[in-house]
Amino acid sequence: MYVECFAIWNCRSVILSQVLFYFILEDFVFYWGHRVLHTKWLYKHVHSVHHEYATPFGLTSEYAHPVEILFLGFATIVGPALTGPHLFTLWLWMVLRVLETVEAHSGYHFPWSPSNFLPFYGGAEFHDFHHRVLYTKSGNYSSTFTYMDRIFCTDIDYRKQKALEVHEGRTS
C-alpha cells in the first residue's frame, strides 16, 4: 500500500495532465452533445426534464432524462476510456467532475469559486443564465470552461448581460 501511494505521489504530473486533458475533452464533447439536446425535438422529449428547474440547485445537476444521462455521460468517460488511467486518477476525475457540475448548478457564486481564479471557467452564474432563457435562445452550452461558447459565439447574450451589469454598476 505504501509503495503504491508513493508511486502515485511521484506521478502527480501525469495525474494532473490527464485530469486537465479530461476536462478539456469533456468540455468539447459535452458542448456539442448539449447543443444537440437543445434542438427542438430532443429538447421537448429529453432535455426538458433537466430544464424543469429555471433556478437550479446542486441536486438538479444530476436530474435528467435517462437518455440524457447516457448521452452526456459519454463526455465524462471518453477521456479515461482513451487513456486508461490509474484508479486514483479516475476517482479524482469523477469527484472533480461531480463537484464542478454541482457547483455550476448551485445558484451561488461563492468567493472560492474557480470562476474567480480561472479564465474561461463558467461556474454558477454562467450556467444559471442558461437555465433562465428559452431553449431556442439559451446558449452557454459549455460544461466547465467557456471556450467553446466563446469560439462559436453561443454566449453572446450572456456577455451582453454582463456588460450591461458592469455598466450599471451591478457586478457580482
Protein backbone atom coordinates (compact mmCIF):
# COMPACT_ATOMS: atom_id res chain seq x y z
CA MET A 1 0.00 0.00 0.00
CA TYR A 2 2.78 2.44 0.95
CA VAL A 3 4.69 1.75 -2.27
CA GLU A 4 1.60 2.35 -4.39
CA CYS A 5 0.81 5.65 -2.61
CA PHE A 6 4.43 6.75 -3.08
CA ALA A 7 4.26 5.89 -6.77
CA ILE A 8 1.05 7.90 -7.14
CA TRP A 9 2.68 10.91 -5.47
CA ASN A 10 5.64 10.71 -7.85
CA CYS A 11 3.27 10.57 -10.80
CA ARG A 12 1.42 13.75 -9.92
CA SER A 13 2.36 15.44 -13.21
CA VAL A 14 0.81 12.52 -15.09
CA ILE A 15 -2.30 12.70 -12.92
CA LEU A 16 -2.63 16.48 -13.37
CA SER A 17 -2.07 16.33 -17.12
CA GLN A 18 -4.62 13.53 -17.51
CA VAL A 19 -7.25 15.37 -15.43
CA LEU A 20 -6.65 18.58 -17.40
CA PHE A 21 -6.97 16.59 -20.64
CA TYR A 22 -10.22 15.07 -19.34
CA PHE A 23 -11.66 18.50 -18.54
CA ILE A 24 -10.78 19.90 -21.97
CA LEU A 25 -12.03 16.85 -23.87
CA GLU A 26 -15.16 16.58 -21.72
CA ASP A 27 -15.92 20.23 -22.42
CA PHE A 28 -15.59 19.74 -26.17
CA VAL A 29 -17.77 16.60 -26.29
CA PHE A 30 -20.28 17.96 -23.76
CA TYR A 31 -20.67 21.26 -25.66
CA TRP A 32 -21.73 19.51 -28.87
CA GLY A 33 -23.93 16.98 -27.09
CA HIS A 34 -25.61 19.68 -25.02
CA ARG A 35 -26.11 21.87 -28.06
CA VAL A 36 -27.74 18.97 -29.90
CA LEU A 37 -30.03 18.41 -26.90
CA HIS A 38 -31.31 21.96 -27.43
CA THR A 39 -32.71 21.15 -30.87
CA LYS A 40 -36.48 21.31 -30.81
CA TRP A 41 -37.32 17.58 -30.79
CA LEU A 42 -34.59 16.46 -28.36
CA TYR A 43 -35.31 19.34 -26.03
CA LYS A 44 -39.02 18.56 -25.93
CA HIS A 45 -38.64 14.81 -25.42
CA VAL A 46 -35.38 14.51 -23.46
CA HIS A 47 -33.58 17.64 -22.23
CA SER A 48 -36.66 19.49 -20.96
CA VAL A 49 -36.60 17.21 -17.89
CA HIS A 50 -33.32 18.80 -16.80
CA HIS A 51 -34.70 22.28 -17.50
CA GLU A 52 -37.75 21.85 -15.28
CA TYR A 53 -35.83 23.99 -12.81
CA ALA A 54 -35.34 27.55 -14.07
CA THR A 55 -33.29 28.32 -10.97
CA PRO A 56 -31.19 25.22 -10.44
CA PHE A 57 -29.72 23.97 -7.18
CA GLY A 58 -26.97 21.42 -6.61
CA LEU A 59 -29.02 18.23 -6.89
CA THR A 60 -30.56 19.31 -10.20
CA SER A 61 -27.17 18.84 -11.81
CA GLU A 62 -27.88 15.11 -11.90
CA TYR A 63 -31.62 15.42 -12.53
CA ALA A 64 -32.13 14.45 -16.16
CA HIS A 65 -33.84 12.05 -18.53
CA PRO A 66 -32.09 8.64 -18.64
CA VAL A 67 -31.26 9.14 -22.33
CA GLU A 68 -29.55 12.43 -21.48
CA ILE A 69 -27.57 10.81 -18.68
CA LEU A 70 -26.22 8.23 -21.11
CA PHE A 71 -25.74 10.76 -23.92
CA LEU A 72 -23.88 13.40 -21.91
CA GLY A 73 -22.27 10.84 -19.60
CA PHE A 74 -20.22 9.78 -22.60
CA ALA A 75 -18.43 13.15 -22.38
CA THR A 76 -17.29 12.31 -18.86
CA ILE A 77 -15.95 8.85 -19.63
CA VAL A 78 -14.38 9.38 -23.05
CA GLY A 79 -11.10 10.79 -21.64
CA PRO A 80 -10.49 7.97 -19.17
CA ALA A 81 -11.55 5.45 -21.83
CA LEU A 82 -8.83 6.79 -24.14
CA THR A 83 -6.02 6.93 -21.56
CA GLY A 84 -6.73 4.02 -19.22
CA PRO A 85 -5.86 5.96 -16.05
CA HIS A 86 -4.77 4.68 -12.67
CA LEU A 87 -7.74 4.07 -10.38
CA PHE A 88 -6.72 7.06 -8.21
CA THR A 89 -6.77 9.35 -11.26
CA LEU A 90 -10.17 8.04 -12.32
CA TRP A 91 -11.61 8.64 -8.83
CA LEU A 92 -10.09 12.12 -8.69
CA TRP A 93 -11.55 12.94 -12.11
CA MET A 94 -15.01 11.71 -11.17
CA VAL A 95 -15.01 13.63 -7.87
CA LEU A 96 -13.85 16.85 -9.55
CA ARG A 97 -16.41 16.45 -12.34
CA VAL A 98 -19.32 15.93 -9.94
CA LEU A 99 -18.17 18.82 -7.71
CA GLU A 100 -17.94 21.09 -10.76
CA THR A 101 -21.40 20.26 -12.04
CA VAL A 102 -22.97 20.61 -8.58
CA GLU A 103 -21.22 23.99 -8.13
CA ALA A 104 -22.43 25.13 -11.56
CA HIS A 105 -25.99 24.23 -10.59
CA SER A 106 -25.76 25.58 -7.04
CA GLY A 107 -27.17 29.01 -7.83
CA TYR A 108 -24.41 30.64 -5.76
CA HIS A 109 -21.29 32.50 -6.81
CA PHE A 110 -19.01 31.52 -3.94
CA PRO A 111 -15.86 33.54 -3.12
CA TRP A 112 -13.83 30.35 -3.61
CA SER A 113 -15.45 29.52 -6.94
CA PRO A 114 -12.88 28.67 -9.61
CA SER A 115 -14.55 31.30 -11.83
CA ASN A 116 -12.85 33.91 -9.63
CA PHE A 117 -9.41 32.49 -10.46
CA LEU A 118 -9.53 30.58 -13.73
CA PRO A 119 -10.15 32.32 -17.04
CA PHE A 120 -12.87 30.72 -19.13
CA TYR A 121 -14.35 28.85 -16.15
CA GLY A 122 -18.14 29.01 -16.30
CA GLY A 123 -19.47 28.46 -12.81
CA ALA A 124 -22.93 29.02 -11.38
CA GLU A 125 -23.62 32.45 -12.82
CA PHE A 126 -22.77 31.33 -16.35
CA HIS A 127 -24.91 28.21 -16.08
CA ASP A 128 -27.81 29.96 -14.32
CA PHE A 129 -28.16 32.17 -17.38
CA HIS A 130 -28.54 29.03 -19.50
CA HIS A 131 -31.44 27.81 -17.35
CA ARG A 132 -33.24 31.17 -17.33
CA VAL A 133 -33.80 31.63 -21.05
CA LEU A 134 -35.89 29.71 -23.57
CA TYR A 135 -34.40 26.58 -25.09
CA THR A 136 -34.03 28.06 -28.55
CA LYS A 137 -32.07 31.03 -27.26
CA SER A 138 -30.25 29.58 -24.26
CA GLY A 139 -26.62 29.47 -25.36
CA ASN A 140 -23.99 28.76 -22.70
CA TYR A 141 -23.80 25.09 -23.63
CA SER A 142 -20.36 24.50 -22.15
CA SER A 143 -19.75 22.25 -19.23
CA THR A 144 -16.80 23.56 -17.22
CA PHE A 145 -14.90 26.06 -19.31
CA THR A 146 -16.46 28.57 -21.66
CA TYR A 147 -14.03 28.44 -24.58
CA MET A 148 -16.43 26.55 -26.88
CA ASP A 149 -19.22 29.08 -26.28
CA ARG A 150 -16.75 31.87 -26.98
CA ILE A 151 -15.45 30.25 -30.17
CA PHE A 152 -18.96 29.60 -31.55
CA CYS A 153 -20.49 32.82 -30.15
CA THR A 154 -23.20 30.96 -28.23
CA ASP A 155 -22.59 33.12 -25.16
CA ILE A 156 -23.29 36.49 -26.80
CA ASP A 157 -26.48 37.19 -24.82
CA TYR A 158 -24.71 36.31 -21.58
CA ARG A 159 -21.79 38.61 -22.39
CA LYS A 160 -24.23 41.42 -23.27
CA GLN A 161 -25.98 40.97 -19.92
CA LYS A 162 -22.65 41.02 -18.06
CA ALA A 163 -21.58 44.18 -19.90
CA LEU A 164 -24.88 45.83 -19.00
CA GLU A 165 -24.47 44.86 -15.34
CA VAL A 166 -20.95 46.31 -15.29
CA HIS A 167 -22.20 49.48 -16.97
CA GLU A 168 -24.97 49.81 -14.37
CA GLY A 169 -22.54 49.00 -11.55
CA ARG A 170 -24.16 45.70 -10.54
CA THR A 171 -21.19 43.38 -10.75
CA SER A 172 -21.19 40.24 -8.67
